[in-house]
Amino acid sequence: MNVADVGAGSGALTVIMATQFDSCSVYIQDIDRDVLQQKNVEKMIAYYSKQLGYKLGVRNQFFLVYGSTTQSNLPDDSLDLIFSNATMHAFTAPDGMLQDLRKKLKRTGKIFIRDSFRGDHNESQYCSDSKCGRPLYTIDEFLAMMTKNGFQLIKQSSDMSGYPVFGFKLAD
């Protein structure tokens, strides 16, 4: 299985998720080279390896991938699963990035996106992270954007409070 975390930041959550994987290629993707660093990812893999009692970096392969605002630089037609956490609103060229991610999924692949949405559970119009401050989408705007870019909704969190998760497949 090939899995990617797009907009992974430091990769900490990706490494934690990978503790649940076996024999996977795990792509940790971000555009910020200062935040996503090989030495830090290696430290996290070593830490969780010690906690788990097995070598996480042997059980799964980890790859750091640096992209741009419109290109993930992930391998084409290769991913079974893409996850993106709290980054959709931060994409400066969301249509370009979604078109790129569409090309990265295998035909049977899925993409899961978790984010905050304007008006959802008293969320304001802008991201509450002082480093971001970007405008938030409404859930309807987000779903329309996903449809426009060739994705079909297959699943959403049953509890939509907080940061809901939406799952998509490639549209037929």
N, C-alpha and C. Protein backbone atom coordinates (compact mmCIF):
# COMPACT_ATOMS: atom_id res chain seq x y z
N MET A 1 0.85 -1.18 0.00
CA MET A 1 0.00 0.00 0.00
C MET A 1 0.89 1.23 0.00
N ASN A 2 0.48 2.25 -0.74
CA ASN A 2 1.19 3.52 -0.81
C ASN A 2 0.30 4.62 -0.26
N VAL A 3 0.81 5.32 0.75
CA VAL A 3 0.05 6.33 1.48
C VAL A 3 0.81 7.65 1.48
N ALA A 4 0.09 8.76 1.34
CA ALA A 4 0.73 10.08 1.41
C ALA A 4 -0.04 10.98 2.36
N ASP A 5 0.71 11.77 3.12
CA ASP A 5 0.15 12.82 3.95
C ASP A 5 0.57 14.13 3.30
N VAL A 6 -0.39 14.84 2.72
CA VAL A 6 -0.11 16.07 1.99
C VAL A 6 -0.28 17.26 2.92
N GLY A 7 0.74 18.11 2.97
CA GLY A 7 0.74 19.23 3.90
C GLY A 7 1.03 18.74 5.29
N ALA A 8 1.97 17.82 5.39
CA ALA A 8 2.24 17.10 6.64
C ALA A 8 3.00 17.91 7.68
N GLY A 9 3.46 19.09 7.33
CA GLY A 9 4.25 19.85 8.31
C GLY A 9 5.51 19.09 8.67
N SER A 10 5.74 18.89 9.95
CA SER A 10 6.96 18.21 10.42
C SER A 10 6.93 16.71 10.15
N GLY A 11 5.76 16.17 9.86
CA GLY A 11 5.63 14.74 9.64
C GLY A 11 5.31 13.96 10.91
N ALA A 12 5.16 14.64 12.03
CA ALA A 12 4.91 13.97 13.30
C ALA A 12 3.64 13.11 13.25
N LEU A 13 2.54 13.68 12.78
CA LEU A 13 1.30 12.91 12.71
C LEU A 13 1.40 11.77 11.70
N THR A 14 2.15 11.98 10.64
CA THR A 14 2.32 10.93 9.64
C THR A 14 3.05 9.73 10.24
N VAL A 15 4.10 10.00 11.00
CA VAL A 15 4.84 8.91 11.64
C VAL A 15 3.95 8.19 12.65
N ILE A 16 3.16 8.93 13.40
CA ILE A 16 2.22 8.31 14.35
C ILE A 16 1.23 7.42 13.59
N MET A 17 0.67 7.91 12.49
CA MET A 17 -0.25 7.09 11.69
C MET A 17 0.45 5.83 11.18
N ALA A 18 1.70 5.96 10.80
CA ALA A 18 2.44 4.83 10.23
C ALA A 18 2.66 3.71 11.24
N THR A 19 2.49 3.99 12.53
CA THR A 19 2.61 2.92 13.53
C THR A 19 1.50 1.89 13.33
N GLN A 20 0.45 2.26 12.60
CA GLN A 20 -0.67 1.36 12.33
C GLN A 20 -0.54 0.66 10.98
N PHE A 21 0.52 0.95 10.23
CA PHE A 21 0.72 0.38 8.90
C PHE A 21 1.73 -0.74 8.95
N ASP A 22 1.67 -1.61 7.95
CA ASP A 22 2.65 -2.67 7.80
C ASP A 22 2.94 -2.83 6.31
N SER A 23 4.21 -2.78 5.96
CA SER A 23 4.65 -2.94 4.58
C SER A 23 4.09 -1.86 3.66
N CYS A 24 4.12 -0.64 4.11
CA CYS A 24 3.62 0.49 3.33
C CYS A 24 4.77 1.41 2.91
N SER A 25 4.56 2.07 1.79
CA SER A 25 5.39 3.20 1.42
C SER A 25 4.64 4.43 1.90
N VAL A 26 5.29 5.21 2.76
CA VAL A 26 4.65 6.35 3.40
C VAL A 26 5.35 7.62 2.91
N TYR A 27 4.60 8.45 2.21
CA TYR A 27 5.13 9.71 1.67
C TYR A 27 4.71 10.84 2.59
N ILE A 28 5.69 11.56 3.10
CA ILE A 28 5.46 12.71 3.96
C ILE A 28 5.73 13.94 3.10
N GLN A 29 4.68 14.69 2.76
CA GLN A 29 4.80 15.76 1.78
C GLN A 29 4.47 17.11 2.39
N ASP A 30 5.28 18.10 2.06
CA ASP A 30 5.03 19.48 2.46
C ASP A 30 5.81 20.39 1.53
N ILE A 31 5.54 21.70 1.61
CA ILE A 31 6.30 22.65 0.80
C ILE A 31 7.37 23.37 1.63
N ASP A 32 7.32 23.23 2.94
CA ASP A 32 8.21 23.97 3.84
C ASP A 32 9.40 23.11 4.27
N ARG A 33 10.54 23.36 3.66
CA ARG A 33 11.76 22.59 3.97
C ARG A 33 12.31 22.88 5.37
N ASP A 34 11.95 24.02 5.93
CA ASP A 34 12.39 24.32 7.29
C ASP A 34 11.62 23.51 8.32
N VAL A 35 10.37 23.19 8.03
CA VAL A 35 9.53 22.44 8.96
C VAL A 35 9.70 20.94 8.77
N LEU A 36 9.71 20.48 7.53
CA LEU A 36 9.86 19.05 7.23
C LEU A 36 11.33 18.75 6.97
N GLN A 37 11.96 18.11 7.95
CA GLN A 37 13.39 17.81 7.85
C GLN A 37 13.65 16.34 8.12
N GLN A 38 14.51 15.75 7.30
CA GLN A 38 14.84 14.33 7.39
C GLN A 38 15.31 13.94 8.80
N LYS A 39 16.18 14.74 9.38
CA LYS A 39 16.73 14.38 10.70
C LYS A 39 15.64 14.32 11.76
N ASN A 40 14.68 15.21 11.69
CA ASN A 40 13.57 15.19 12.67
C ASN A 40 12.65 14.00 12.45
N VAL A 41 12.38 13.66 11.20
CA VAL A 41 11.55 12.49 10.91
C VAL A 41 12.26 11.23 11.40
N GLU A 42 13.55 11.16 11.18
CA GLU A 42 14.33 10.00 11.65
C GLU A 42 14.26 9.88 13.17
N LYS A 43 14.30 11.00 13.88
CA LYS A 43 14.18 10.98 15.34
C LYS A 43 12.81 10.44 15.77
N MET A 44 11.77 10.87 15.06
CA MET A 44 10.42 10.40 15.40
C MET A 44 10.27 8.90 15.11
N ILE A 45 10.83 8.45 14.00
CA ILE A 45 10.77 7.03 13.67
C ILE A 45 11.53 6.23 14.72
N ALA A 46 12.68 6.72 15.15
CA ALA A 46 13.46 6.02 16.19
C ALA A 46 12.69 5.98 17.51
N TYR A 47 12.06 7.09 17.86
CA TYR A 47 11.28 7.15 19.11
C TYR A 47 10.16 6.11 19.09
N TYR A 48 9.37 6.09 18.03
CA TYR A 48 8.25 5.15 17.97
C TYR A 48 8.72 3.72 17.79
N SER A 49 9.85 3.52 17.17
CA SER A 49 10.42 2.17 17.07
C SER A 49 10.73 1.63 18.45
N LYS A 50 11.30 2.48 19.28
CA LYS A 50 11.62 2.07 20.65
C LYS A 50 10.34 1.77 21.43
N GLN A 51 9.32 2.61 21.28
CA GLN A 51 8.05 2.42 21.98
C GLN A 51 7.36 1.12 21.53
N LEU A 52 7.45 0.83 20.25
CA LEU A 52 6.74 -0.32 19.68
C LEU A 52 7.50 -1.64 19.82
N GLY A 53 8.80 -1.55 19.97
CA GLY A 53 9.61 -2.76 20.07
C GLY A 53 9.95 -3.37 18.73
N TYR A 54 9.78 -2.62 17.67
CA TYR A 54 10.21 -3.06 16.34
C TYR A 54 10.63 -1.83 15.54
N LYS A 55 11.38 -2.06 14.48
CA LYS A 55 11.90 -0.95 13.68
C LYS A 55 10.84 -0.49 12.68
N LEU A 56 10.23 0.63 13.01
CA LEU A 56 9.18 1.19 12.19
C LEU A 56 9.69 1.51 10.78
N GLY A 57 10.93 1.95 10.68
CA GLY A 57 11.53 2.29 9.39
C GLY A 57 11.88 1.08 8.55
N VAL A 58 11.84 -0.11 9.13
CA VAL A 58 12.03 -1.34 8.37
C VAL A 58 10.66 -1.88 7.95
N ARG A 59 9.71 -1.78 8.84
CA ARG A 59 8.36 -2.27 8.56
C ARG A 59 7.70 -1.45 7.45
N ASN A 60 7.97 -0.16 7.42
CA ASN A 60 7.45 0.74 6.39
C ASN A 60 8.59 1.57 5.82
N GLN A 61 8.46 1.96 4.56
CA GLN A 61 9.44 2.85 3.95
C GLN A 61 8.90 4.27 4.02
N PHE A 62 9.76 5.20 4.40
CA PHE A 62 9.36 6.61 4.51
C PHE A 62 10.09 7.43 3.46
N PHE A 63 9.35 8.32 2.80
CA PHE A 63 9.91 9.19 1.79
C PHE A 63 9.46 10.62 2.07
N LEU A 64 10.39 11.56 2.13
CA LEU A 64 10.06 12.97 2.25
C LEU A 64 9.95 13.54 0.85
N VAL A 65 8.89 14.30 0.61
CA VAL A 65 8.64 14.88 -0.71
C VAL A 65 8.30 16.35 -0.52
N TYR A 66 9.03 17.19 -1.23
CA TYR A 66 8.77 18.64 -1.18
C TYR A 66 8.06 19.07 -2.45
N GLY A 67 6.96 19.77 -2.27
CA GLY A 67 6.18 20.23 -3.41
C GLY A 67 6.17 21.74 -3.50
N SER A 68 5.26 22.22 -4.32
CA SER A 68 5.05 23.66 -4.50
C SER A 68 3.57 23.93 -4.25
N THR A 69 3.13 25.13 -4.54
CA THR A 69 1.73 25.48 -4.29
C THR A 69 0.77 24.75 -5.22
N THR A 70 1.26 24.25 -6.36
CA THR A 70 0.37 23.55 -7.30
C THR A 70 0.84 22.13 -7.63
N GLN A 71 2.00 21.74 -7.17
CA GLN A 71 2.55 20.42 -7.48
C GLN A 71 2.98 19.73 -6.19
N SER A 72 2.45 18.53 -5.97
CA SER A 72 2.84 17.78 -4.77
C SER A 72 4.19 17.09 -4.94
N ASN A 73 4.55 16.81 -6.19
CA ASN A 73 5.76 16.06 -6.54
C ASN A 73 5.72 14.61 -6.03
N LEU A 74 4.53 14.11 -5.76
CA LEU A 74 4.33 12.70 -5.43
C LEU A 74 4.31 11.91 -6.74
N PRO A 75 4.57 10.61 -6.69
CA PRO A 75 4.57 9.83 -7.93
C PRO A 75 3.16 9.68 -8.51
N ASP A 76 3.07 9.77 -9.83
CA ASP A 76 1.79 9.67 -10.53
C ASP A 76 1.20 8.27 -10.43
N ASP A 77 -0.13 8.21 -10.38
CA ASP A 77 -0.90 6.97 -10.45
C ASP A 77 -0.35 5.88 -9.54
N SER A 78 -0.03 6.26 -8.30
CA SER A 78 0.66 5.31 -7.42
C SER A 78 0.08 5.21 -6.01
N LEU A 79 -0.77 6.13 -5.62
CA LEU A 79 -1.19 6.19 -4.23
C LEU A 79 -2.55 5.53 -4.01
N ASP A 80 -2.59 4.70 -2.96
CA ASP A 80 -3.85 4.08 -2.55
C ASP A 80 -4.64 5.02 -1.65
N LEU A 81 -3.92 5.85 -0.91
CA LEU A 81 -4.56 6.72 0.07
C LEU A 81 -3.78 8.02 0.20
N ILE A 82 -4.51 9.12 0.15
CA ILE A 82 -3.95 10.44 0.45
C ILE A 82 -4.74 10.98 1.63
N PHE A 83 -4.02 11.53 2.59
CA PHE A 83 -4.63 12.19 3.75
C PHE A 83 -4.11 13.61 3.79
N SER A 84 -4.97 14.54 4.13
CA SER A 84 -4.55 15.93 4.29
C SER A 84 -5.29 16.51 5.49
N ASN A 85 -4.53 17.02 6.44
CA ASN A 85 -5.08 17.48 7.71
C ASN A 85 -4.90 18.99 7.86
N ALA A 86 -6.01 19.71 7.88
CA ALA A 86 -6.01 21.15 8.14
C ALA A 86 -5.14 21.93 7.16
N THR A 87 -5.17 21.51 5.89
CA THR A 87 -4.37 22.21 4.88
C THR A 87 -5.19 22.72 3.70
N MET A 88 -6.38 22.20 3.52
CA MET A 88 -7.18 22.58 2.35
C MET A 88 -7.32 24.10 2.25
N HIS A 89 -7.63 24.73 3.36
CA HIS A 89 -7.82 26.19 3.33
C HIS A 89 -6.49 26.93 3.12
N ALA A 90 -5.38 26.25 3.37
CA ALA A 90 -4.07 26.89 3.25
C ALA A 90 -3.50 26.84 1.83
N PHE A 91 -4.08 25.99 0.97
CA PHE A 91 -3.61 25.92 -0.42
C PHE A 91 -3.87 27.26 -1.10
N THR A 92 -2.82 27.87 -1.65
CA THR A 92 -3.00 29.14 -2.35
C THR A 92 -3.54 28.94 -3.77
N ALA A 93 -3.40 27.73 -4.30
CA ALA A 93 -3.94 27.38 -5.61
C ALA A 93 -4.66 26.04 -5.47
N PRO A 94 -5.82 26.03 -4.78
CA PRO A 94 -6.47 24.76 -4.46
C PRO A 94 -6.85 23.91 -5.68
N ASP A 95 -7.34 24.55 -6.75
CA ASP A 95 -7.71 23.78 -7.93
C ASP A 95 -6.48 23.11 -8.55
N GLY A 96 -5.39 23.84 -8.64
CA GLY A 96 -4.15 23.27 -9.17
C GLY A 96 -3.65 22.10 -8.33
N MET A 97 -3.70 22.25 -7.02
CA MET A 97 -3.24 21.17 -6.15
C MET A 97 -4.19 19.97 -6.23
N LEU A 98 -5.48 20.20 -6.26
CA LEU A 98 -6.43 19.08 -6.37
C LEU A 98 -6.28 18.35 -7.69
N GLN A 99 -6.04 19.08 -8.77
CA GLN A 99 -5.81 18.43 -10.06
C GLN A 99 -4.53 17.58 -10.01
N ASP A 100 -3.52 18.09 -9.36
CA ASP A 100 -2.28 17.33 -9.20
C ASP A 100 -2.52 16.07 -8.36
N LEU A 101 -3.21 16.22 -7.24
CA LEU A 101 -3.45 15.06 -6.36
C LEU A 101 -4.31 14.01 -7.06
N ARG A 102 -5.21 14.46 -7.90
CA ARG A 102 -6.05 13.52 -8.66
C ARG A 102 -5.17 12.60 -9.50
N LYS A 103 -4.11 13.14 -10.08
CA LYS A 103 -3.19 12.36 -10.92
C LYS A 103 -2.34 11.39 -10.10
N LYS A 104 -2.23 11.62 -8.83
CA LYS A 104 -1.37 10.79 -7.97
C LYS A 104 -2.08 9.53 -7.49
N LEU A 105 -3.41 9.59 -7.41
CA LEU A 105 -4.18 8.45 -6.93
C LEU A 105 -4.25 7.35 -7.97
N LYS A 106 -4.20 6.10 -7.50
CA LYS A 106 -4.56 4.97 -8.35
C LYS A 106 -6.05 5.10 -8.65
N ARG A 107 -6.53 4.43 -9.66
CA ARG A 107 -7.95 4.51 -10.02
C ARG A 107 -8.84 4.13 -8.84
N THR A 108 -8.37 3.23 -7.99
CA THR A 108 -9.15 2.78 -6.82
C THR A 108 -8.78 3.55 -5.55
N GLY A 109 -7.92 4.56 -5.68
CA GLY A 109 -7.44 5.30 -4.53
C GLY A 109 -8.49 6.19 -3.90
N LYS A 110 -8.21 6.59 -2.67
CA LYS A 110 -9.12 7.46 -1.90
C LYS A 110 -8.31 8.63 -1.33
N ILE A 111 -8.99 9.74 -1.16
CA ILE A 111 -8.39 10.90 -0.50
C ILE A 111 -9.30 11.30 0.66
N PHE A 112 -8.69 11.53 1.82
CA PHE A 112 -9.43 11.95 3.01
C PHE A 112 -8.89 13.31 3.43
N ILE A 113 -9.81 14.24 3.60
CA ILE A 113 -9.44 15.61 3.95
C ILE A 113 -10.15 16.00 5.23
N ARG A 114 -9.35 16.51 6.17
CA ARG A 114 -9.86 17.00 7.45
C ARG A 114 -9.52 18.47 7.52
N ASP A 115 -10.50 19.30 7.83
CA ASP A 115 -10.23 20.73 7.90
C ASP A 115 -11.30 21.41 8.74
N SER A 116 -11.09 22.69 8.94
CA SER A 116 -12.04 23.55 9.62
C SER A 116 -12.80 24.32 8.54
N PHE A 117 -14.09 24.59 8.78
CA PHE A 117 -14.91 25.23 7.77
C PHE A 117 -15.67 26.42 8.34
N ARG A 118 -15.74 27.47 7.55
CA ARG A 118 -16.42 28.70 7.94
C ARG A 118 -17.87 28.41 8.30
N GLY A 119 -18.29 28.90 9.46
CA GLY A 119 -19.66 28.74 9.90
C GLY A 119 -19.96 27.40 10.54
N ASP A 120 -19.03 26.47 10.50
CA ASP A 120 -19.25 25.16 11.09
C ASP A 120 -18.87 25.21 12.56
N HIS A 121 -19.83 25.00 13.45
CA HIS A 121 -19.59 25.04 14.89
C HIS A 121 -18.90 26.33 15.33
N ASN A 122 -19.47 27.43 14.89
CA ASN A 122 -19.02 28.78 15.26
C ASN A 122 -17.63 29.14 14.76
N GLU A 123 -17.14 28.44 13.72
CA GLU A 123 -15.86 28.83 13.14
C GLU A 123 -16.02 30.19 12.48
N SER A 124 -14.96 31.00 12.57
CA SER A 124 -15.02 32.33 11.96
C SER A 124 -14.74 32.21 10.45
N GLN A 125 -14.53 33.34 9.83
CA GLN A 125 -14.26 33.36 8.39
C GLN A 125 -12.81 33.00 8.08
N TYR A 126 -11.94 33.03 9.10
CA TYR A 126 -10.51 32.84 8.86
C TYR A 126 -9.94 31.77 9.79
N CYS A 127 -8.87 31.17 9.34
CA CYS A 127 -8.17 30.18 10.15
C CYS A 127 -7.72 30.82 11.46
N SER A 128 -7.90 30.11 12.55
CA SER A 128 -7.56 30.66 13.87
C SER A 128 -6.07 30.59 14.18
N ASP A 129 -5.29 29.89 13.37
CA ASP A 129 -3.84 29.81 13.57
C ASP A 129 -3.23 31.15 13.17
N SER A 130 -2.56 31.80 14.10
CA SER A 130 -1.99 33.13 13.84
C SER A 130 -0.96 33.11 12.71
N LYS A 131 -0.33 31.96 12.45
CA LYS A 131 0.64 31.86 11.35
C LYS A 131 -0.04 31.73 10.00
N CYS A 132 -1.33 31.40 10.02
CA CYS A 132 -2.06 31.17 8.76
C CYS A 132 -2.98 32.35 8.44
N GLY A 133 -4.10 32.42 9.15
CA GLY A 133 -5.05 33.52 8.95
C GLY A 133 -5.78 33.50 7.61
N ARG A 134 -5.65 32.42 6.85
CA ARG A 134 -6.30 32.34 5.53
C ARG A 134 -7.81 32.15 5.68
N PRO A 135 -8.56 32.58 4.66
CA PRO A 135 -10.01 32.39 4.71
C PRO A 135 -10.37 30.91 4.70
N LEU A 136 -11.44 30.57 5.41
CA LEU A 136 -11.95 29.21 5.44
C LEU A 136 -13.06 29.07 4.40
N TYR A 137 -13.21 27.87 3.86
CA TYR A 137 -14.32 27.56 2.97
C TYR A 137 -15.53 27.14 3.81
N THR A 138 -16.71 27.32 3.25
CA THR A 138 -17.87 26.66 3.85
C THR A 138 -17.81 25.20 3.41
N ILE A 139 -18.54 24.34 4.07
CA ILE A 139 -18.57 22.93 3.65
C ILE A 139 -19.12 22.82 2.24
N ASP A 140 -20.14 23.59 1.91
CA ASP A 140 -20.70 23.54 0.55
C ASP A 140 -19.69 24.00 -0.50
N GLU A 141 -18.93 25.06 -0.22
CA GLU A 141 -17.90 25.51 -1.16
C GLU A 141 -16.83 24.44 -1.35
N PHE A 142 -16.42 23.82 -0.26
CA PHE A 142 -15.42 22.76 -0.31
C PHE A 142 -15.91 21.58 -1.14
N LEU A 143 -17.12 21.12 -0.88
CA LEU A 143 -17.66 19.97 -1.62
C LEU A 143 -17.82 20.30 -3.11
N ALA A 144 -18.23 21.52 -3.43
CA ALA A 144 -18.34 21.93 -4.83
C ALA A 144 -16.96 21.95 -5.50
N MET A 145 -15.94 22.42 -4.79
CA MET A 145 -14.58 22.44 -5.33
C MET A 145 -14.08 21.02 -5.60
N MET A 146 -14.36 20.11 -4.68
CA MET A 146 -13.92 18.72 -4.86
C MET A 146 -14.61 18.11 -6.08
N THR A 147 -15.90 18.35 -6.22
CA THR A 147 -16.65 17.82 -7.37
C THR A 147 -16.10 18.40 -8.67
N LYS A 148 -15.88 19.71 -8.69
CA LYS A 148 -15.35 20.39 -9.88
C LYS A 148 -14.01 19.81 -10.30
N ASN A 149 -13.23 19.33 -9.34
CA ASN A 149 -11.90 18.81 -9.63
C ASN A 149 -11.85 17.29 -9.79
N GLY A 150 -13.02 16.68 -9.96
CA GLY A 150 -13.07 15.27 -10.33
C GLY A 150 -13.11 14.28 -9.19
N PHE A 151 -13.59 14.70 -8.02
CA PHE A 151 -13.70 13.79 -6.88
C PHE A 151 -15.17 13.58 -6.53
N GLN A 152 -15.47 12.41 -6.03
CA GLN A 152 -16.84 12.06 -5.61
C GLN A 152 -16.84 11.72 -4.13
N LEU A 153 -17.69 12.38 -3.37
CA LEU A 153 -17.80 12.14 -1.93
C LEU A 153 -18.28 10.72 -1.68
N ILE A 154 -17.57 10.00 -0.81
CA ILE A 154 -17.98 8.64 -0.45
C ILE A 154 -18.24 8.49 1.04
N LYS A 155 -17.72 9.43 1.83
CA LYS A 155 -17.85 9.27 3.28
C LYS A 155 -17.58 10.61 3.95
N GLN A 156 -18.25 10.81 5.07
CA GLN A 156 -17.92 11.96 5.91
C GLN A 156 -18.11 11.57 7.36
N SER A 157 -17.43 12.27 8.24
CA SER A 157 -17.53 11.97 9.68
C SER A 157 -18.97 11.96 10.10
N SER A 158 -19.30 11.01 10.96
CA SER A 158 -20.65 11.01 11.50
C SER A 158 -20.80 12.14 12.52
N ASP A 159 -19.73 12.44 13.24
CA ASP A 159 -19.73 13.58 14.17
C ASP A 159 -19.04 14.72 13.45
N MET A 160 -19.79 15.68 12.99
CA MET A 160 -19.23 16.78 12.20
C MET A 160 -18.73 17.93 13.05
N SER A 161 -18.65 17.77 14.36
CA SER A 161 -18.16 18.85 15.20
C SER A 161 -16.64 18.95 15.09
N GLY A 162 -16.14 20.14 15.27
CA GLY A 162 -14.70 20.33 15.18
C GLY A 162 -14.22 20.30 13.75
N TYR A 163 -13.20 19.53 13.49
CA TYR A 163 -12.63 19.39 12.16
C TYR A 163 -13.18 18.12 11.53
N PRO A 164 -14.21 18.21 10.69
CA PRO A 164 -14.77 17.00 10.09
C PRO A 164 -13.82 16.40 9.04
N VAL A 165 -14.00 15.11 8.80
CA VAL A 165 -13.22 14.39 7.79
C VAL A 165 -14.15 13.99 6.65
N PHE A 166 -13.70 14.23 5.42
CA PHE A 166 -14.44 13.86 4.22
C PHE A 166 -13.59 12.91 3.41
N GLY A 167 -14.20 11.85 2.90
CA GLY A 167 -13.51 10.89 2.05
C GLY A 167 -14.05 10.96 0.63
N PHE A 168 -13.14 10.87 -0.33
CA PHE A 168 -13.52 10.96 -1.75
C PHE A 168 -12.81 9.87 -2.54
N LYS A 169 -13.43 9.50 -3.64
CA LYS A 169 -12.79 8.67 -4.64
C LYS A 169 -12.76 9.47 -5.94
N LEU A 170 -12.06 8.97 -6.93
CA LEU A 170 -12.08 9.63 -8.23
C LEU A 170 -13.48 9.49 -8.82
N ALA A 171 -14.00 10.57 -9.38
CA ALA A 171 -15.33 10.54 -9.98
C ALA A 171 -15.31 9.64 -11.20
N ASP A 172 -16.43 8.99 -11.44
CA ASP A 172 -16.55 8.08 -12.60
C ASP A 172 -16.61 8.85 -13.90
